[in-house]
Protein backbone atom coordinates (compact mmCIF):
# COMPACT_ATOMS: atom_id res chain seq x y z
CA MET A 1 0.00 0.00 0.00
CA ASN A 2 1.42 3.36 -0.96
CA PRO A 3 1.78 6.08 1.69
CA LEU A 4 -1.08 8.19 0.31
CA ASN A 5 -3.57 5.32 0.45
CA LEU A 6 -2.36 4.44 3.93
CA ALA A 7 -2.84 8.04 5.08
CA LYS A 8 -6.33 8.13 3.57
CA THR A 9 -7.30 4.83 5.23
CA VAL A 10 -6.04 5.98 8.63
CA THR A 11 -7.86 9.29 8.19
CA GLU A 12 -11.11 7.51 7.31
CA VAL A 13 -10.88 5.31 10.40
CA LEU A 14 -10.00 8.16 12.77
CA VAL A 15 -12.70 10.48 11.42
CA SER A 16 -15.34 7.75 11.44
CA VAL A 17 -14.58 6.69 15.00
CA GLY A 18 -14.38 10.28 16.24
CA VAL A 19 -17.61 11.41 14.63
CA GLY A 20 -19.36 8.20 15.69
CA SER A 21 -18.33 8.81 19.28
CA ILE A 22 -19.56 12.40 19.22
CA VAL A 23 -22.92 11.46 17.70
CA GLY A 24 -23.29 8.52 20.07
CA SER A 25 -22.65 10.73 23.09
CA ALA A 26 -25.17 13.29 21.86
CA ILE A 27 -27.81 10.59 21.40
CA LYS A 28 -27.17 9.20 24.88
CA GLN A 29 -27.60 12.67 26.37
CA ALA A 30 -30.85 13.20 24.46
CA THR A 31 -32.38 9.85 25.45
CA PRO A 32 -34.81 10.23 28.36
CA ALA A 33 -33.87 8.21 31.42
CA ASN A 34 -37.41 6.94 31.89
CA ALA A 35 -37.94 5.86 28.25
CA HIS A 36 -39.63 2.51 27.74
CA ILE A 37 -37.67 -0.39 26.26
CA VAL A 38 -39.27 -0.04 22.82
CA LYS A 39 -38.33 3.63 22.67
CA ARG A 40 -34.79 2.89 23.86
CA ILE A 41 -34.38 0.23 21.18
CA SER A 42 -35.71 2.52 18.45
CA ILE A 43 -33.46 5.36 19.62
CA GLY A 44 -30.50 2.96 19.62
CA ILE A 45 -31.19 1.75 16.08
CA GLY A 46 -31.86 5.26 14.80
CA GLY A 47 -28.73 6.51 16.53
CA PHE A 48 -26.64 3.78 14.95
CA VAL A 49 -27.95 4.61 11.48
CA LEU A 50 -27.51 8.36 12.02
CA SER A 51 -24.01 7.86 13.38
CA SER A 52 -23.06 5.65 10.42
CA MET A 53 -24.40 8.16 7.89
CA ILE A 54 -22.64 11.14 9.42
CA SER A 55 -19.39 9.21 9.93
CA ALA A 56 -19.35 8.07 6.29
CA LYS A 57 -19.95 11.61 5.00
CA ALA A 58 -17.28 13.06 7.28
CA ALA A 59 -14.73 10.43 6.26
CA LYS A 60 -15.49 11.02 2.57
CA TYR A 61 -15.07 14.77 3.07
CA ALA A 62 -11.70 14.26 4.78
CA THR A 63 -10.34 11.95 2.07
CA ASP A 64 -11.64 14.28 -0.67
CA GLN A 65 -9.70 17.10 1.00
CA ILE A 66 -6.56 14.95 0.94
CA ASP A 67 -7.10 14.22 -2.77
CA ASP A 68 -7.67 17.92 -3.53
CA THR A 69 -4.52 18.88 -1.66
CA VAL A 70 -2.45 16.27 -3.48
CA GLU A 71 -3.78 17.47 -6.85
CA LYS A 72 -2.95 21.08 -5.99
CA ILE A 73 0.58 20.09 -4.99
CA LYS A 74 1.03 18.08 -8.19
CA SER A 75 -0.22 20.94 -10.37
CA PHE A 76 2.06 23.35 -8.53
CA LYS A 77 5.06 21.11 -9.15
CA LYS A 78 4.20 20.75 -12.86
CA THR A 79 4.12 24.46 -13.61
CA GLU A 80 7.44 25.71 -14.83
CA PRO A 81 8.42 29.34 -14.93
CA LYS A 82 8.14 30.72 -18.43
CA PHE A 83 11.11 32.49 -19.83
CA ASP A 84 10.27 35.66 -21.71
CA GLU A 85 13.01 36.25 -24.30
CA THR A 86 11.90 39.80 -25.01
CA LYS A 87 12.68 40.85 -21.45
CA ALA A 88 16.01 39.02 -21.36
CA ASN A 89 17.71 41.38 -23.77
């Protein structure tokens, strides 16, 4: 695996876990303590789906930013200064 793919994979994992933890904590705080078992189960399932959706979008955003940065660096490296012969004399 090349270093760029490794960095993107690590970034995806870290972002997904971090965002999932934040969303999970928010859902736990919003769940009423006296909720019935059916409501707790539905909140848990909904929270899992919501957490998965947000984590996937956040990870995609992070890896897209890495790709954009790499492309900008590559295009910067490809541009060569143009020599203007009329100004050289």
